[in-house]
Amino acid sequence: KVADLTLTQLRTWRDSLVSRDKENPEVERRSKDTANRILTAMKAALNFVYSDEAHGIKSDKAWGKALKGFKDVARAREHHFSEAEALTLIDKAREQNPYFADLLEAAFHTGARYGELTRLSVKHFNAARSELSIPGGKTGARTTFLTREGVAFFETLAEGKQPGDVLIPYTEDGARWEKSYQQRPMKRALKAAKLPTEASFYAMRHTVVSRAIERGMPLTLIAGNLGTSLRMIEK
């Protein structure tokens, strides 16, 4: 029962989530990082039942401030690809799943987050102004300016569609991509392209930043296009 849990029990459970490899300390760091995320979810669940007095749980001492995660184990998502690698990844994805390849290529031209791309409709693309309106995301709505090749790509996606149609569909019938739908096709494409399979869809965003800097784009414009801060771009 939740009311019977002790701090010692929960610490033992937390520690049991950790894997170790004497030859590779990164295994332990990654597993501790994962354990912290699981611990956060567990504490949220315990706090939820504790908040209802009907459950008769008198104290949250066992999992409150005393139950902490592991320190200094989180790492930024550092993977990014060269332009050639990104294009190879898109090509390999197109051999497996053309709809996912379109999603990847959209990320390559915009640097937009997965969730932002999945919410796009045809009406958000303005070819005449070379713009893509991101309707909402982590940092709110914004306008992303496209290169000529980006405009050409989105013109292909929008061709023959109505303004309210999904711009980057998941299937032929125009369904939208949902949460986590990108993970499996991403792994398959990475493997086919012989790139690190632990890389995520987010790596394409890092690639766009590097590519824009190499092409001489002002940092303020990059930050505005991607909906992030100058500090994050510099980092």
C-alpha atoms as a PDB file:
ATOM      1  CA  LYS A   1       0.000   0.000   0.000  1.00  0.00           C
ATOM      2  CA  VAL A   2       1.148   3.544  -0.680  1.00  0.00           C
ATOM      3  CA  ALA A   3       0.679   4.395   2.995  1.00  0.00           C
ATOM      4  CA  ASP A   4       3.134   1.645   3.964  1.00  0.00           C
ATOM      5  CA  LEU A   5       5.971   2.736   1.668  1.00  0.00           C
ATOM      6  CA  THR A   6       9.257   3.746   3.288  1.00  0.00           C
ATOM      7  CA  LEU A   7      12.075   5.948   2.046  1.00  0.00           C
ATOM      8  CA  THR A   8      14.449   2.985   2.180  1.00  0.00           C
ATOM      9  CA  GLN A   9      12.172   0.898  -0.028  1.00  0.00           C
ATOM     10  CA  LEU A  10      11.850   3.643  -2.607  1.00  0.00           C
ATOM     11  CA  ARG A  11      15.574   4.350  -2.666  1.00  0.00           C
ATOM     12  CA  THR A  12      16.253   0.648  -3.169  1.00  0.00           C
ATOM     13  CA  TRP A  13      13.759   0.606  -6.052  1.00  0.00           C
ATOM     14  CA  ARG A  14      15.354   3.731  -7.586  1.00  0.00           C
ATOM     15  CA  ASP A  15      18.832   2.206  -7.354  1.00  0.00           C
ATOM     16  CA  SER A  16      17.621  -1.041  -8.940  1.00  0.00           C
ATOM     17  CA  LEU A  17      16.876   0.869 -12.154  1.00  0.00           C
ATOM     18  CA  VAL A  18      20.583   1.541 -12.718  1.00  0.00           C
ATOM     19  CA  SER A  19      22.697  -0.591 -15.071  1.00  0.00           C
ATOM     20  CA  ARG A  20      26.494  -0.666 -14.948  1.00  0.00           C
ATOM     21  CA  ASP A  21      29.286  -1.685 -17.315  1.00  0.00           C
ATOM     22  CA  LYS A  22      32.883  -1.618 -16.069  1.00  0.00           C
ATOM     23  CA  GLU A  23      34.165  -0.992 -19.576  1.00  0.00           C
ATOM     24  CA  ASN A  24      31.676   1.749 -20.430  1.00  0.00           C
ATOM     25  CA  PRO A  25      30.732   4.291 -17.724  1.00  0.00           C
ATOM     26  CA  GLU A  26      28.310   5.907 -20.171  1.00  0.00           C
ATOM     27  CA  VAL A  27      25.955   2.955 -19.605  1.00  0.00           C
ATOM     28  CA  GLU A  28      25.583   3.931 -15.948  1.00  0.00           C
ATOM     29  CA  ARG A  29      25.094   7.629 -16.733  1.00  0.00           C
ATOM     30  CA  ARG A  30      22.374   6.931 -19.295  1.00  0.00           C
ATOM     31  CA  SER A  31      20.537   4.506 -17.026  1.00  0.00           C
ATOM     32  CA  LYS A  32      20.642   7.000 -14.141  1.00  0.00           C
ATOM     33  CA  ASP A  33      19.258   9.677 -16.443  1.00  0.00           C
ATOM     34  CA  THR A  34      16.439   7.300 -17.403  1.00  0.00           C
ATOM     35  CA  ALA A  35      15.900   6.392 -13.736  1.00  0.00           C
ATOM     36  CA  ASN A  36      15.438  10.075 -12.914  1.00  0.00           C
ATOM     37  CA  ARG A  37      12.670  10.398 -15.495  1.00  0.00           C
ATOM     38  CA  ILE A  38      10.931   7.280 -14.154  1.00  0.00           C
ATOM     39  CA  LEU A  39      11.320   8.595 -10.604  1.00  0.00           C
ATOM     40  CA  THR A  40       9.693  11.883 -11.579  1.00  0.00           C
ATOM     41  CA  ALA A  41       6.679  10.036 -12.983  1.00  0.00           C
ATOM     42  CA  MET A  42       6.444   7.792  -9.924  1.00  0.00           C
ATOM     43  CA  LYS A  43       6.548  10.728  -7.494  1.00  0.00           C
ATOM     44  CA  ALA A  44       3.844  12.485  -9.505  1.00  0.00           C
ATOM     45  CA  ALA A  45       1.639   9.390  -9.232  1.00  0.00           C
ATOM     46  CA  LEU A  46       2.240   9.113  -5.485  1.00  0.00           C
ATOM     47  CA  ASN A  47       1.493  12.802  -4.977  1.00  0.00           C
ATOM     48  CA  PHE A  48      -1.742  12.359  -6.921  1.00  0.00           C
ATOM     49  CA  VAL A  49      -3.102   9.678  -4.601  1.00  0.00           C
ATOM     50  CA  TYR A  50      -1.770  11.500  -1.524  1.00  0.00           C
ATOM     51  CA  SER A  51      -3.656  14.663  -2.507  1.00  0.00           C
ATOM     52  CA  ASP A  52      -7.011  12.904  -2.085  1.00  0.00           C
ATOM     53  CA  GLU A  53      -7.836  12.742   1.626  1.00  0.00           C
ATOM     54  CA  ALA A  54     -10.226   9.868   0.954  1.00  0.00           C
ATOM     55  CA  HIS A  55      -7.223   7.594   0.524  1.00  0.00           C
ATOM     56  CA  GLY A  56      -6.163   8.110   4.132  1.00  0.00           C
ATOM     57  CA  ILE A  57      -2.449   8.601   3.407  1.00  0.00           C
ATOM     58  CA  LYS A  58      -1.173  10.664   6.328  1.00  0.00           C
ATOM     59  CA  SER A  59       2.290  11.596   5.070  1.00  0.00           C
ATOM     60  CA  ASP A  60       4.355  11.933   1.896  1.00  0.00           C
ATOM     61  CA  LYS A  61       7.627  11.708   3.854  1.00  0.00           C
ATOM     62  CA  ALA A  62       8.710   8.504   2.063  1.00  0.00           C
ATOM     63  CA  TRP A  63       8.828  10.110  -1.385  1.00  0.00           C
ATOM     64  CA  GLY A  64       8.807  13.838  -0.681  1.00  0.00           C
ATOM     65  CA  LYS A  65      11.914  16.016  -0.525  1.00  0.00           C
ATOM     66  CA  ALA A  66      14.069  13.188   0.852  1.00  0.00           C
ATOM     67  CA  LEU A  67      13.696  10.978  -2.250  1.00  0.00           C
ATOM     68  CA  LYS A  68      15.935  12.561  -4.839  1.00  0.00           C
ATOM     69  CA  GLY A  69      17.220  11.656  -8.277  1.00  0.00           C
ATOM     70  CA  PHE A  70      20.818  11.144  -9.346  1.00  0.00           C
ATOM     71  CA  LYS A  71      22.898  14.295  -9.833  1.00  0.00           C
ATOM     72  CA  ASP A  72      24.776  15.438 -12.945  1.00  0.00           C
ATOM     73  CA  VAL A  73      23.590  12.657 -15.246  1.00  0.00           C
ATOM     74  CA  ALA A  74      21.489  14.606 -17.772  1.00  0.00           C
ATOM     75  CA  ARG A  75      23.035  15.444 -21.131  1.00  0.00           C
ATOM     76  CA  ALA A  76      21.882  17.703 -23.921  1.00  0.00           C
ATOM     77  CA  ARG A  77      20.736  16.012 -27.118  1.00  0.00           C
ATOM     78  CA  GLU A  78      24.024  16.571 -28.941  1.00  0.00           C
ATOM     79  CA  HIS A  79      23.632  14.520 -32.109  1.00  0.00           C
ATOM     80  CA  HIS A  80      23.651  16.414 -35.353  1.00  0.00           C
ATOM     81  CA  PHE A  81      24.443  15.477 -38.928  1.00  0.00           C
ATOM     82  CA  SER A  82      26.460  17.011 -41.694  1.00  0.00           C
ATOM     83  CA  GLU A  83      24.428  18.171 -44.686  1.00  0.00           C
ATOM     84  CA  ALA A  84      25.515  15.084 -46.634  1.00  0.00           C
ATOM     85  CA  GLU A  85      24.497  12.776 -43.785  1.00  0.00           C
ATOM     86  CA  ALA A  86      21.123  14.468 -43.451  1.00  0.00           C
ATOM     87  CA  LEU A  87      20.429  14.077 -47.158  1.00  0.00           C
ATOM     88  CA  THR A  88      21.472  10.426 -47.034  1.00  0.00           C
ATOM     89  CA  LEU A  89      19.129   9.897 -44.080  1.00  0.00           C
ATOM     90  CA  ILE A  90      16.241  11.434 -46.017  1.00  0.00           C
ATOM     91  CA  ASP A  91      17.013   9.274 -49.062  1.00  0.00           C
ATOM     92  CA  LYS A  92      17.109   6.089 -46.994  1.00  0.00           C
ATOM     93  CA  ALA A  93      13.878   7.049 -45.264  1.00  0.00           C
ATOM     94  CA  ARG A  94      12.223   7.613 -48.642  1.00  0.00           C
ATOM     95  CA  GLU A  95      13.089   4.055 -49.659  1.00  0.00           C
ATOM     96  CA  GLN A  96      11.284   2.787 -46.536  1.00  0.00           C
ATOM     97  CA  ASN A  97       8.458   5.259 -45.904  1.00  0.00           C
ATOM     98  CA  PRO A  98       7.905   8.284 -48.179  1.00  0.00           C
ATOM     99  CA  TYR A  99       5.604   9.955 -45.647  1.00  0.00           C
ATOM    100  CA  PHE A 100       8.289   9.873 -42.977  1.00  0.00           C
ATOM    101  CA  ALA A 101      10.840  11.080 -45.518  1.00  0.00           C
ATOM    102  CA  ASP A 102       8.630  14.125 -46.152  1.00  0.00           C
ATOM    103  CA  LEU A 103       8.542  14.798 -42.412  1.00  0.00           C
ATOM    104  CA  LEU A 104      12.339  14.526 -42.184  1.00  0.00           C
ATOM    105  CA  GLU A 105      12.853  16.778 -45.185  1.00  0.00           C
ATOM    106  CA  ALA A 106      10.455  19.344 -43.718  1.00  0.00           C
ATOM    107  CA  ALA A 107      12.618  19.366 -40.582  1.00  0.00           C
ATOM    108  CA  PHE A 108      15.726  19.749 -42.757  1.00  0.00           C
ATOM    109  CA  HIS A 109      14.300  22.886 -44.400  1.00  0.00           C
ATOM    110  CA  THR A 110      12.865  24.476 -41.255  1.00  0.00           C
ATOM    111  CA  GLY A 111      14.512  23.170 -38.096  1.00  0.00           C
ATOM    112  CA  ALA A 112      11.026  22.906 -36.623  1.00  0.00           C
ATOM    113  CA  ARG A 113      10.297  20.521 -33.769  1.00  0.00           C
ATOM    114  CA  TYR A 114       8.425  17.291 -34.457  1.00  0.00           C
ATOM    115  CA  GLY A 115       5.256  18.478 -32.713  1.00  0.00           C
ATOM    116  CA  GLU A 116       5.285  21.754 -34.635  1.00  0.00           C
ATOM    117  CA  LEU A 117       5.542  20.002 -37.985  1.00  0.00           C
ATOM    118  CA  THR A 118       2.699  17.614 -37.193  1.00  0.00           C
ATOM    119  CA  ARG A 119       0.300  20.530 -36.603  1.00  0.00           C
ATOM    120  CA  LEU A 120       0.909  22.180 -39.967  1.00  0.00           C
ATOM    121  CA  SER A 121      -1.887  22.533 -42.513  1.00  0.00           C
ATOM    122  CA  VAL A 122      -1.590  23.730 -46.103  1.00  0.00           C
ATOM    123  CA  LYS A 123      -2.823  27.213 -45.086  1.00  0.00           C
ATOM    124  CA  HIS A 124       0.318  27.700 -42.983  1.00  0.00           C
ATOM    125  CA  PHE A 125       2.528  27.715 -46.093  1.00  0.00           C
ATOM    126  CA  ASN A 126       2.862  30.935 -48.114  1.00  0.00           C
ATOM    127  CA  ALA A 127       4.927  30.325 -51.242  1.00  0.00           C
ATOM    128  CA  ALA A 128       4.720  33.935 -52.441  1.00  0.00           C
ATOM    129  CA  ARG A 129       6.340  35.190 -49.220  1.00  0.00           C
ATOM    130  CA  SER A 130       8.629  32.154 -48.738  1.00  0.00           C
ATOM    131  CA  GLU A 131       7.139  31.677 -45.294  1.00  0.00           C
ATOM    132  CA  LEU A 132       5.892  28.903 -43.090  1.00  0.00           C
ATOM    133  CA  SER A 133       3.692  29.924 -40.171  1.00  0.00           C
ATOM    134  CA  ILE A 134       4.252  27.679 -37.162  1.00  0.00           C
ATOM    135  CA  PRO A 135       0.847  27.791 -35.418  1.00  0.00           C
ATOM    136  CA  GLY A 136       2.133  26.993 -31.965  1.00  0.00           C
ATOM    137  CA  GLY A 137       4.835  25.152 -30.152  1.00  0.00           C
ATOM    138  CA  LYS A 138       7.198  25.238 -27.196  1.00  0.00           C
ATOM    139  CA  THR A 139       7.814  28.969 -27.634  1.00  0.00           C
ATOM    140  CA  GLY A 140       4.500  29.957 -29.220  1.00  0.00           C
ATOM    141  CA  ALA A 141       3.560  30.843 -32.786  1.00  0.00           C
ATOM    142  CA  ARG A 142       6.208  32.175 -35.180  1.00  0.00           C
ATOM    143  CA  THR A 143       7.065  32.655 -38.839  1.00  0.00           C
ATOM    144  CA  THR A 144       9.888  30.658 -40.404  1.00  0.00           C
ATOM    145  CA  PHE A 145      11.502  31.969 -43.590  1.00  0.00           C
ATOM    146  CA  LEU A 146      12.312  29.383 -46.247  1.00  0.00           C
ATOM    147  CA  THR A 147      15.100  29.075 -48.790  1.00  0.00           C
ATOM    148  CA  ARG A 148      14.221  28.611 -52.446  1.00  0.00           C
ATOM    149  CA  GLU A 149      14.742  24.878 -52.125  1.00  0.00           C
ATOM    150  CA  GLY A 150      12.518  24.864 -49.051  1.00  0.00           C
ATOM    151  CA  VAL A 151       9.766  26.687 -50.920  1.00  0.00           C
ATOM    152  CA  ALA A 152      10.009  24.207 -53.799  1.00  0.00           C
ATOM    153  CA  PHE A 153       9.722  21.286 -51.386  1.00  0.00           C
ATOM    154  CA  PHE A 154       6.632  22.624 -49.611  1.00  0.00           C
ATOM    155  CA  GLU A 155       5.027  23.547 -52.944  1.00  0.00           C
ATOM    156  CA  THR A 156       5.242  19.850 -53.832  1.00  0.00           C
ATOM    157  CA  LEU A 157       3.609  18.893 -50.531  1.00  0.00           C
ATOM    158  CA  ALA A 158       0.821  21.448 -50.927  1.00  0.00           C
ATOM    159  CA  GLU A 159       0.034  20.724 -54.585  1.00  0.00           C
ATOM    160  CA  GLY A 160      -3.606  19.741 -55.154  1.00  0.00           C
ATOM    161  CA  LYS A 161      -4.589  20.157 -51.501  1.00  0.00           C
ATOM    162  CA  GLN A 162      -7.103  22.408 -49.784  1.00  0.00           C
ATOM    163  CA  PRO A 163      -6.040  25.040 -47.185  1.00  0.00           C
ATOM    164  CA  GLY A 164      -7.369  22.953 -44.306  1.00  0.00           C
ATOM    165  CA  ASP A 165      -5.646  19.732 -45.396  1.00  0.00           C
ATOM    166  CA  VAL A 166      -2.706  18.296 -43.467  1.00  0.00           C
ATOM    167  CA  LEU A 167       0.514  19.591 -45.019  1.00  0.00           C
ATOM    168  CA  ILE A 168       2.702  16.620 -43.990  1.00  0.00           C
ATOM    169  CA  PRO A 169       0.393  13.599 -43.654  1.00  0.00           C
ATOM    170  CA  TYR A 170       1.124  10.346 -41.864  1.00  0.00           C
ATOM    171  CA  THR A 171      -0.742   8.250 -44.423  1.00  0.00           C
ATOM    172  CA  GLU A 172      -2.243   8.544 -47.878  1.00  0.00           C
ATOM    173  CA  ASP A 173      -5.655   9.436 -46.441  1.00  0.00           C
ATOM    174  CA  GLY A 174      -4.256  12.612 -44.863  1.00  0.00           C
ATOM    175  CA  ALA A 175      -4.071  11.552 -41.212  1.00  0.00           C
ATOM    176  CA  ARG A 176      -1.795  13.503 -38.895  1.00  0.00           C
ATOM    177  CA  TRP A 177       1.317  12.230 -37.187  1.00  0.00           C
ATOM    178  CA  GLU A 178       0.723  11.606 -33.488  1.00  0.00           C
ATOM    179  CA  LYS A 179       2.989  11.614 -30.458  1.00  0.00           C
ATOM    180  CA  SER A 180       5.986   9.252 -30.783  1.00  0.00           C
ATOM    181  CA  TYR A 181       4.940   7.997 -34.250  1.00  0.00           C
ATOM    182  CA  GLN A 182       8.323   9.159 -35.567  1.00  0.00           C
ATOM    183  CA  GLN A 183      10.497   7.017 -33.295  1.00  0.00           C
ATOM    184  CA  ARG A 184      10.423   3.663 -35.085  1.00  0.00           C
ATOM    185  CA  PRO A 185      10.800   4.975 -38.648  1.00  0.00           C
ATOM    186  CA  MET A 186      13.613   7.208 -37.409  1.00  0.00           C
ATOM    187  CA  LYS A 187      15.501   4.217 -35.992  1.00  0.00           C
ATOM    188  CA  ARG A 188      15.062   2.284 -39.240  1.00  0.00           C
ATOM    189  CA  ALA A 189      16.251   5.201 -41.363  1.00  0.00           C
ATOM    190  CA  LEU A 190      19.277   5.825 -39.128  1.00  0.00           C
ATOM    191  CA  LYS A 191      20.265   2.187 -39.371  1.00  0.00           C
ATOM    192  CA  ALA A 192      19.929   2.184 -43.164  1.00  0.00           C
ATOM    193  CA  ALA A 193      21.969   5.404 -43.408  1.00  0.00           C
ATOM    194  CA  LYS A 194      24.634   3.949 -41.065  1.00  0.00           C
ATOM    195  CA  LEU A 195      24.221   6.803 -38.585  1.00  0.00           C
ATOM    196  CA  PRO A 196      24.077   6.505 -34.757  1.00  0.00           C
ATOM    197  CA  THR A 197      20.789   4.789 -33.964  1.00  0.00           C
ATOM    198  CA  GLU A 198      20.558   6.574 -30.609  1.00  0.00           C
ATOM    199  CA  ALA A 199      20.095   9.876 -32.435  1.00  0.00           C
ATOM    200  CA  SER A 200      16.593  11.318 -32.358  1.00  0.00           C
ATOM    201  CA  PHE A 201      14.433  13.341 -34.734  1.00  0.00           C
ATOM    202  CA  TYR A 202      15.615  16.404 -32.783  1.00  0.00           C
ATOM    203  CA  ALA A 203      19.101  15.953 -34.260  1.00  0.00           C
ATOM    204  CA  MET A 204      17.797  17.387 -37.531  1.00  0.00           C
ATOM    205  CA  ARG A 205      17.127  20.652 -35.683  1.00  0.00           C
ATOM    206  CA  HIS A 206      20.779  20.828 -34.611  1.00  0.00           C
ATOM    207  CA  THR A 207      21.779  20.110 -38.193  1.00  0.00           C
ATOM    208  CA  VAL A 208      19.746  23.065 -39.445  1.00  0.00           C
ATOM    209  CA  VAL A 209      21.465  25.405 -36.971  1.00  0.00           C
ATOM    210  CA  SER A 210      24.944  24.285 -38.067  1.00  0.00           C
ATOM    211  CA  ARG A 211      24.028  24.503 -41.740  1.00  0.00           C
ATOM    212  CA  ALA A 212      22.582  28.023 -41.356  1.00  0.00           C
ATOM    213  CA  ILE A 213      25.671  29.269 -39.502  1.00  0.00           C
ATOM    214  CA  GLU A 214      27.950  27.811 -42.186  1.00  0.00           C
ATOM    215  CA  ARG A 215      25.942  29.673 -44.819  1.00  0.00           C
ATOM    216  CA  GLY A 216      26.384  32.958 -42.980  1.00  0.00           C
ATOM    217  CA  MET A 217      22.837  33.450 -41.726  1.00  0.00           C
ATOM    218  CA  PRO A 218      22.655  35.976 -38.850  1.00  0.00           C
ATOM    219  CA  LEU A 219      22.191  34.313 -35.460  1.00  0.00           C
ATOM    220  CA  THR A 220      19.167  36.487 -34.696  1.00  0.00           C
ATOM    221  CA  LEU A 221      17.421  35.189 -37.824  1.00  0.00           C
ATOM    222  CA  ILE A 222      18.311  31.580 -36.978  1.00  0.00           C
ATOM    223  CA  ALA A 223      16.915  32.024 -33.458  1.00  0.00           C
ATOM    224  CA  GLY A 224      13.731  33.587 -34.822  1.00  0.00           C
ATOM    225  CA  ASN A 225      13.264  30.865 -37.432  1.00  0.00           C
ATOM    226  CA  LEU A 226      13.657  28.091 -34.880  1.00  0.00           C
ATOM    227  CA  GLY A 227      11.774  29.707 -32.012  1.00  0.00           C
ATOM    228  CA  THR A 228      14.668  29.670 -29.574  1.00  0.00           C
ATOM    229  CA  SER A 229      17.043  32.097 -27.879  1.00  0.00           C
ATOM    230  CA  LEU A 230      20.361  33.506 -29.029  1.00  0.00           C
ATOM    231  CA  ARG A 231      21.957  31.898 -25.978  1.00  0.00           C
ATOM    232  CA  MET A 232      20.801  28.447 -27.077  1.00  0.00           C
ATOM    233  CA  ILE A 233      22.029  29.038 -30.633  1.00  0.00           C
ATOM    234  CA  GLU A 234      25.442  30.113 -29.351  1.00  0.00           C
ATOM    235  CA  LYS A 235      25.593  27.090 -27.064  1.00  0.00           C
END
